[in-house]
Amino acid sequence: MTEHAAGFDLSAAVSEPVTLHPGEIRLVPCGFSLGVPHGYEAQIRPRSGLASKHGITMVNAPGTIDSDYRGEVQVPLINLGRQPFVIERGMRIAQMLILPVPQVEMIEVEQLDETKRGTRGFGHTGH
C-alpha cells in the first residue's frame, strides 16, 4: 500500500461474505496462483491491524509457498477474538514477502560443539 512497504497485500477472493466465528479456522482463497523462482519462497504473514484490532491471525504464521507450488494462494485464518468477524471480497487479509532460501547441506554428526547456552531452551534467560 505504501512505497516502502516490505510485503504485498493479499486480498480475499470469496464469492460472498464469510463469517469467521471465535475459535474458527477458515482457508480463505486469494484468487491467484504464482510461480516463485527457484531459490526463493513466498512467506505469508498476518496483517498486524487485523490481529491487534480483531484477533484475526494465521494458524501457521508465517506460511511458506515453495517454488514448485502452482495452486491457488490461500490463507488459513483463525479468529482469536471474542466477536465474529466478517471477511468480504477484496478485504486485505495477509501480506506476502518473496525471500531467498539459502541452499544448505545437512550433515549428521555424533555430537554438537559446546556453547554457553547449551541445551537451555524456552525461557532460559528468565524473561
N, C-alpha and C. Protein backbone atom coordinates (compact mmCIF):
# COMPACT_ATOMS: atom_id res chain seq x y z
N MET A 1 0.81 -1.21 0.00
CA MET A 1 0.00 0.00 0.00
C MET A 1 0.85 1.28 0.00
N THR A 2 2.08 1.19 0.51
CA THR A 2 2.95 2.36 0.51
C THR A 2 4.23 2.05 -0.26
N GLU A 3 4.95 3.07 -0.63
CA GLU A 3 6.15 2.93 -1.45
C GLU A 3 7.21 2.03 -0.82
N HIS A 4 7.35 2.08 0.49
CA HIS A 4 8.42 1.33 1.16
C HIS A 4 7.93 0.11 1.93
N ALA A 5 6.69 -0.30 1.67
CA ALA A 5 6.16 -1.49 2.35
C ALA A 5 6.93 -2.73 1.89
N ALA A 6 7.25 -3.61 2.82
CA ALA A 6 8.02 -4.81 2.50
C ALA A 6 7.17 -5.87 1.83
N GLY A 7 5.89 -5.97 2.20
CA GLY A 7 5.06 -7.06 1.72
C GLY A 7 4.02 -6.62 0.71
N PHE A 8 3.55 -7.61 -0.06
CA PHE A 8 2.44 -7.42 -0.98
C PHE A 8 1.17 -7.78 -0.22
N ASP A 9 0.16 -6.94 -0.30
CA ASP A 9 -1.11 -7.26 0.36
C ASP A 9 -1.82 -8.38 -0.39
N LEU A 10 -2.39 -9.31 0.36
CA LEU A 10 -3.21 -10.38 -0.20
C LEU A 10 -4.66 -10.12 0.17
N SER A 11 -5.52 -10.19 -0.82
CA SER A 11 -6.94 -9.89 -0.61
C SER A 11 -7.78 -11.15 -0.71
N ALA A 12 -8.88 -11.16 0.01
CA ALA A 12 -9.81 -12.29 -0.01
C ALA A 12 -10.55 -12.31 -1.34
N ALA A 13 -10.62 -13.50 -1.94
CA ALA A 13 -11.35 -13.68 -3.19
C ALA A 13 -12.57 -14.57 -2.93
N VAL A 14 -13.30 -14.25 -1.88
CA VAL A 14 -14.51 -15.01 -1.54
C VAL A 14 -15.66 -14.54 -2.43
N SER A 15 -16.56 -15.46 -2.78
CA SER A 15 -17.67 -15.10 -3.65
C SER A 15 -18.78 -14.36 -2.89
N GLU A 16 -18.84 -14.60 -1.59
CA GLU A 16 -19.79 -13.91 -0.72
C GLU A 16 -19.15 -13.73 0.64
N PRO A 17 -19.65 -12.82 1.47
CA PRO A 17 -19.04 -12.62 2.80
C PRO A 17 -18.99 -13.92 3.59
N VAL A 18 -17.88 -14.08 4.32
CA VAL A 18 -17.65 -15.27 5.14
C VAL A 18 -17.51 -14.81 6.59
N THR A 19 -18.28 -15.40 7.49
CA THR A 19 -18.18 -15.07 8.90
C THR A 19 -17.24 -16.05 9.58
N LEU A 20 -16.22 -15.51 10.21
CA LEU A 20 -15.25 -16.31 10.96
C LEU A 20 -15.60 -16.14 12.44
N HIS A 21 -16.14 -17.20 13.04
CA HIS A 21 -16.56 -17.15 14.43
C HIS A 21 -15.37 -17.33 15.37
N PRO A 22 -15.46 -16.86 16.62
CA PRO A 22 -14.36 -17.04 17.58
C PRO A 22 -13.91 -18.50 17.65
N GLY A 23 -12.62 -18.71 17.51
CA GLY A 23 -12.04 -20.06 17.55
C GLY A 23 -12.09 -20.79 16.23
N GLU A 24 -12.76 -20.26 15.23
CA GLU A 24 -12.90 -20.93 13.94
C GLU A 24 -11.70 -20.68 13.03
N ILE A 25 -11.36 -21.69 12.25
CA ILE A 25 -10.29 -21.61 11.25
C ILE A 25 -10.93 -21.76 9.88
N ARG A 26 -10.56 -20.91 8.94
CA ARG A 26 -11.05 -20.98 7.56
C ARG A 26 -9.89 -20.78 6.60
N LEU A 27 -9.87 -21.55 5.53
CA LEU A 27 -8.90 -21.37 4.46
C LEU A 27 -9.53 -20.39 3.48
N VAL A 28 -8.96 -19.19 3.38
CA VAL A 28 -9.54 -18.12 2.57
C VAL A 28 -8.77 -18.00 1.25
N PRO A 29 -9.45 -18.16 0.11
CA PRO A 29 -8.79 -18.07 -1.18
C PRO A 29 -8.42 -16.62 -1.52
N CYS A 30 -7.32 -16.48 -2.27
CA CYS A 30 -6.87 -15.15 -2.70
C CYS A 30 -7.10 -14.91 -4.20
N GLY A 31 -7.51 -15.96 -4.94
CA GLY A 31 -7.90 -15.77 -6.33
C GLY A 31 -6.77 -15.72 -7.34
N PHE A 32 -5.56 -16.16 -6.95
CA PHE A 32 -4.46 -16.18 -7.91
C PHE A 32 -3.46 -17.27 -7.54
N SER A 33 -2.68 -17.64 -8.53
CA SER A 33 -1.55 -18.56 -8.35
C SER A 33 -0.30 -17.80 -8.76
N LEU A 34 0.86 -18.30 -8.34
CA LEU A 34 2.10 -17.65 -8.75
C LEU A 34 3.20 -18.69 -8.88
N GLY A 35 4.22 -18.32 -9.63
CA GLY A 35 5.40 -19.16 -9.77
C GLY A 35 6.56 -18.47 -9.08
N VAL A 36 6.93 -18.94 -7.92
CA VAL A 36 8.05 -18.38 -7.17
C VAL A 36 9.34 -18.92 -7.80
N PRO A 37 10.31 -18.06 -8.11
CA PRO A 37 11.55 -18.55 -8.71
C PRO A 37 12.29 -19.54 -7.81
N HIS A 38 12.97 -20.50 -8.44
CA HIS A 38 13.78 -21.47 -7.69
C HIS A 38 14.79 -20.70 -6.82
N GLY A 39 14.97 -21.14 -5.59
CA GLY A 39 15.88 -20.46 -4.67
C GLY A 39 15.19 -19.41 -3.82
N TYR A 40 13.87 -19.27 -4.00
CA TYR A 40 13.10 -18.29 -3.23
C TYR A 40 11.88 -18.97 -2.64
N GLU A 41 11.24 -18.31 -1.70
CA GLU A 41 9.97 -18.74 -1.14
C GLU A 41 9.08 -17.51 -1.03
N ALA A 42 7.79 -17.74 -0.99
CA ALA A 42 6.86 -16.67 -0.65
C ALA A 42 6.44 -16.92 0.79
N GLN A 43 6.68 -15.95 1.66
CA GLN A 43 6.24 -16.06 3.05
C GLN A 43 4.93 -15.29 3.20
N ILE A 44 3.95 -15.96 3.78
CA ILE A 44 2.66 -15.34 4.03
C ILE A 44 2.58 -15.03 5.51
N ARG A 45 2.27 -13.79 5.82
CA ARG A 45 2.25 -13.32 7.21
C ARG A 45 0.93 -12.65 7.54
N PRO A 46 0.55 -12.66 8.82
CA PRO A 46 -0.68 -11.97 9.22
C PRO A 46 -0.55 -10.46 9.04
N ARG A 47 -1.67 -9.79 8.97
CA ARG A 47 -1.68 -8.33 8.97
C ARG A 47 -1.81 -7.86 10.41
N SER A 48 -0.93 -6.97 10.80
CA SER A 48 -0.90 -6.53 12.20
C SER A 48 -2.19 -5.83 12.63
N GLY A 49 -2.81 -5.09 11.74
CA GLY A 49 -4.05 -4.40 12.09
C GLY A 49 -5.19 -5.36 12.39
N LEU A 50 -5.33 -6.41 11.57
CA LEU A 50 -6.38 -7.40 11.84
C LEU A 50 -6.12 -8.12 13.15
N ALA A 51 -4.85 -8.43 13.41
CA ALA A 51 -4.51 -9.14 14.64
C ALA A 51 -4.75 -8.28 15.88
N SER A 52 -4.26 -7.05 15.85
CA SER A 52 -4.36 -6.20 17.04
C SER A 52 -5.76 -5.65 17.30
N LYS A 53 -6.52 -5.43 16.24
CA LYS A 53 -7.87 -4.86 16.42
C LYS A 53 -8.97 -5.91 16.56
N HIS A 54 -8.78 -7.09 15.90
CA HIS A 54 -9.87 -8.06 15.85
C HIS A 54 -9.48 -9.47 16.29
N GLY A 55 -8.19 -9.72 16.52
CA GLY A 55 -7.75 -11.07 16.89
C GLY A 55 -7.70 -12.03 15.72
N ILE A 56 -7.65 -11.50 14.50
CA ILE A 56 -7.61 -12.33 13.29
C ILE A 56 -6.15 -12.51 12.90
N THR A 57 -5.71 -13.77 12.85
CA THR A 57 -4.32 -14.05 12.51
C THR A 57 -4.27 -15.35 11.70
N MET A 58 -3.07 -15.83 11.45
CA MET A 58 -2.89 -17.07 10.69
C MET A 58 -2.53 -18.21 11.62
N VAL A 59 -3.03 -19.39 11.31
CA VAL A 59 -2.75 -20.57 12.10
C VAL A 59 -1.27 -20.96 11.97
N ASN A 60 -0.69 -20.79 10.81
CA ASN A 60 0.67 -21.25 10.53
C ASN A 60 1.60 -20.09 10.21
N ALA A 61 1.59 -19.05 10.99
CA ALA A 61 2.37 -17.87 10.67
C ALA A 61 3.85 -18.04 11.00
N PRO A 62 4.77 -17.71 10.10
CA PRO A 62 4.45 -17.42 8.71
C PRO A 62 4.26 -18.70 7.90
N GLY A 63 3.43 -18.61 6.89
CA GLY A 63 3.25 -19.72 5.97
C GLY A 63 4.27 -19.62 4.85
N THR A 64 4.58 -20.74 4.23
CA THR A 64 5.55 -20.77 3.13
C THR A 64 4.90 -21.31 1.88
N ILE A 65 5.13 -20.63 0.76
CA ILE A 65 4.78 -21.15 -0.56
C ILE A 65 6.10 -21.49 -1.23
N ASP A 66 6.28 -22.78 -1.52
CA ASP A 66 7.50 -23.25 -2.15
C ASP A 66 7.54 -22.90 -3.64
N SER A 67 8.74 -22.93 -4.21
CA SER A 67 8.90 -22.54 -5.61
C SER A 67 8.26 -23.52 -6.59
N ASP A 68 7.94 -24.74 -6.15
CA ASP A 68 7.32 -25.69 -7.07
C ASP A 68 5.79 -25.77 -6.91
N TYR A 69 5.20 -24.96 -6.05
CA TYR A 69 3.74 -24.97 -5.86
C TYR A 69 3.09 -24.11 -6.94
N ARG A 70 2.04 -24.62 -7.53
CA ARG A 70 1.34 -23.87 -8.59
C ARG A 70 -0.15 -23.71 -8.34
N GLY A 71 -0.61 -24.07 -7.17
CA GLY A 71 -2.03 -23.93 -6.85
C GLY A 71 -2.39 -22.52 -6.42
N GLU A 72 -3.66 -22.34 -6.13
CA GLU A 72 -4.14 -21.03 -5.69
C GLU A 72 -3.56 -20.68 -4.32
N VAL A 73 -3.20 -19.44 -4.15
CA VAL A 73 -2.75 -18.95 -2.85
C VAL A 73 -3.97 -18.85 -1.95
N GLN A 74 -3.87 -19.46 -0.76
CA GLN A 74 -4.95 -19.42 0.22
C GLN A 74 -4.33 -19.14 1.59
N VAL A 75 -5.09 -18.51 2.44
CA VAL A 75 -4.59 -18.11 3.76
C VAL A 75 -5.44 -18.77 4.85
N PRO A 76 -4.80 -19.56 5.74
CA PRO A 76 -5.55 -20.18 6.85
C PRO A 76 -5.70 -19.19 8.01
N LEU A 77 -6.86 -18.57 8.09
CA LEU A 77 -7.12 -17.58 9.13
C LEU A 77 -7.81 -18.21 10.33
N ILE A 78 -7.52 -17.66 11.51
CA ILE A 78 -8.20 -18.06 12.74
C ILE A 78 -8.67 -16.80 13.46
N ASN A 79 -9.82 -16.91 14.08
CA ASN A 79 -10.36 -15.81 14.86
C ASN A 79 -10.06 -16.08 16.34
N LEU A 80 -9.09 -15.36 16.87
CA LEU A 80 -8.75 -15.46 18.28
C LEU A 80 -9.46 -14.41 19.12
N GLY A 81 -10.29 -13.62 18.45
CA GLY A 81 -11.04 -12.57 19.14
C GLY A 81 -12.29 -13.13 19.81
N ARG A 82 -13.07 -12.23 20.38
CA ARG A 82 -14.28 -12.62 21.10
C ARG A 82 -15.56 -12.45 20.27
N GLN A 83 -15.43 -11.78 19.12
CA GLN A 83 -16.60 -11.49 18.29
C GLN A 83 -16.45 -12.14 16.91
N PRO A 84 -17.57 -12.50 16.27
CA PRO A 84 -17.49 -12.96 14.88
C PRO A 84 -16.88 -11.86 14.01
N PHE A 85 -16.17 -12.28 12.97
CA PHE A 85 -15.51 -11.33 12.06
C PHE A 85 -15.91 -11.68 10.64
N VAL A 86 -16.38 -10.69 9.89
CA VAL A 86 -16.83 -10.92 8.52
C VAL A 86 -15.71 -10.58 7.53
N ILE A 87 -15.40 -11.57 6.69
CA ILE A 87 -14.41 -11.39 5.63
C ILE A 87 -15.17 -11.14 4.34
N GLU A 88 -14.88 -10.02 3.70
CA GLU A 88 -15.56 -9.65 2.47
C GLU A 88 -14.60 -9.67 1.30
N ARG A 89 -15.12 -9.86 0.10
CA ARG A 89 -14.31 -9.89 -1.11
C ARG A 89 -13.49 -8.60 -1.22
N GLY A 90 -12.20 -8.76 -1.49
CA GLY A 90 -11.32 -7.61 -1.65
C GLY A 90 -10.67 -7.15 -0.36
N MET A 91 -11.10 -7.66 0.78
CA MET A 91 -10.52 -7.29 2.07
C MET A 91 -9.07 -7.80 2.14
N ARG A 92 -8.18 -6.95 2.59
CA ARG A 92 -6.78 -7.35 2.76
C ARG A 92 -6.68 -8.24 3.99
N ILE A 93 -6.23 -9.49 3.80
CA ILE A 93 -6.25 -10.47 4.88
C ILE A 93 -4.87 -10.94 5.32
N ALA A 94 -3.84 -10.68 4.51
CA ALA A 94 -2.48 -11.13 4.84
C ALA A 94 -1.51 -10.34 3.99
N GLN A 95 -0.23 -10.61 4.20
CA GLN A 95 0.79 -10.00 3.36
C GLN A 95 1.80 -11.06 2.94
N MET A 96 2.44 -10.82 1.79
CA MET A 96 3.36 -11.80 1.23
C MET A 96 4.70 -11.15 0.93
N LEU A 97 5.76 -11.82 1.34
CA LEU A 97 7.12 -11.40 1.02
C LEU A 97 7.78 -12.50 0.20
N ILE A 98 8.58 -12.12 -0.77
CA ILE A 98 9.36 -13.07 -1.56
C ILE A 98 10.80 -12.97 -1.04
N LEU A 99 11.31 -14.08 -0.50
CA LEU A 99 12.62 -14.07 0.15
C LEU A 99 13.49 -15.21 -0.36
N PRO A 100 14.82 -14.98 -0.37
CA PRO A 100 15.73 -16.05 -0.78
C PRO A 100 15.78 -17.17 0.25
N VAL A 101 15.97 -18.38 -0.23
CA VAL A 101 16.13 -19.55 0.63
C VAL A 101 17.55 -20.05 0.43
N PRO A 102 18.40 -19.96 1.46
CA PRO A 102 19.78 -20.42 1.29
C PRO A 102 19.81 -21.94 1.10
N GLN A 103 20.65 -22.39 0.21
CA GLN A 103 20.83 -23.82 -0.02
C GLN A 103 21.85 -24.32 1.00
N VAL A 104 21.43 -25.24 1.84
CA VAL A 104 22.30 -25.77 2.89
C VAL A 104 22.41 -27.27 2.75
N GLU A 105 23.46 -27.81 3.30
CA GLU A 105 23.64 -29.25 3.33
C GLU A 105 23.56 -29.70 4.77
N MET A 106 22.68 -30.65 5.04
CA MET A 106 22.54 -31.19 6.39
C MET A 106 23.57 -32.30 6.57
N ILE A 107 24.32 -32.20 7.65
CA ILE A 107 25.34 -33.20 7.95
C ILE A 107 25.04 -33.81 9.31
N GLU A 108 24.89 -35.11 9.36
CA GLU A 108 24.63 -35.80 10.62
C GLU A 108 25.96 -35.97 11.37
N VAL A 109 25.93 -35.61 12.66
CA VAL A 109 27.13 -35.75 13.49
C VAL A 109 26.77 -36.52 14.76
N GLU A 110 27.76 -37.07 15.40
CA GLU A 110 27.54 -37.80 16.65
C GLU A 110 27.34 -36.85 17.82
N GLN A 111 28.00 -35.68 17.79
CA GLN A 111 27.95 -34.74 18.91
C GLN A 111 28.09 -33.32 18.38
N LEU A 112 27.39 -32.38 19.02
CA LEU A 112 27.47 -30.96 18.66
C LEU A 112 28.55 -30.28 19.48
N ASP A 113 29.05 -29.17 18.95
CA ASP A 113 30.03 -28.38 19.70
C ASP A 113 29.37 -27.73 20.91
N GLU A 114 30.14 -27.39 21.92
CA GLU A 114 29.63 -26.77 23.14
C GLU A 114 29.41 -25.28 22.92
N THR A 115 28.35 -24.75 23.54
CA THR A 115 28.10 -23.31 23.55
C THR A 115 27.76 -22.88 24.97
N LYS A 116 27.82 -21.58 25.22
CA LYS A 116 27.48 -21.06 26.54
C LYS A 116 26.03 -21.38 26.91
N ARG A 117 25.14 -21.30 25.94
CA ARG A 117 23.71 -21.56 26.19
C ARG A 117 23.45 -23.05 26.38
N GLY A 118 24.12 -23.86 25.61
CA GLY A 118 23.94 -25.30 25.73
C GLY A 118 22.53 -25.74 25.35
N THR A 119 21.91 -26.56 26.19
CA THR A 119 20.59 -27.11 25.89
C THR A 119 19.44 -26.33 26.52
N ARG A 120 19.76 -25.21 27.17
CA ARG A 120 18.68 -24.42 27.79
C ARG A 120 17.80 -23.81 26.71
N GLY A 121 16.51 -24.08 26.80
CA GLY A 121 15.58 -23.66 25.75
C GLY A 121 14.68 -22.53 26.16
N PHE A 122 13.38 -22.70 25.96
CA PHE A 122 12.40 -21.65 26.19
C PHE A 122 12.52 -21.06 27.59
N GLY A 123 12.60 -19.73 27.64
CA GLY A 123 12.65 -19.04 28.93
C GLY A 123 13.96 -19.17 29.66
N HIS A 124 15.00 -19.58 28.98
CA HIS A 124 16.27 -19.84 29.66
C HIS A 124 16.92 -18.59 30.25
N THR A 125 16.54 -17.41 29.75
CA THR A 125 17.15 -16.19 30.28
C THR A 125 16.38 -15.62 31.47
N GLY A 126 15.23 -16.22 31.76
CA GLY A 126 14.43 -15.73 32.89
C GLY A 126 13.50 -14.60 32.53
N HIS A 127 13.38 -14.28 31.23
CA HIS A 127 12.49 -13.17 30.79
C HIS A 127 11.27 -13.72 30.13
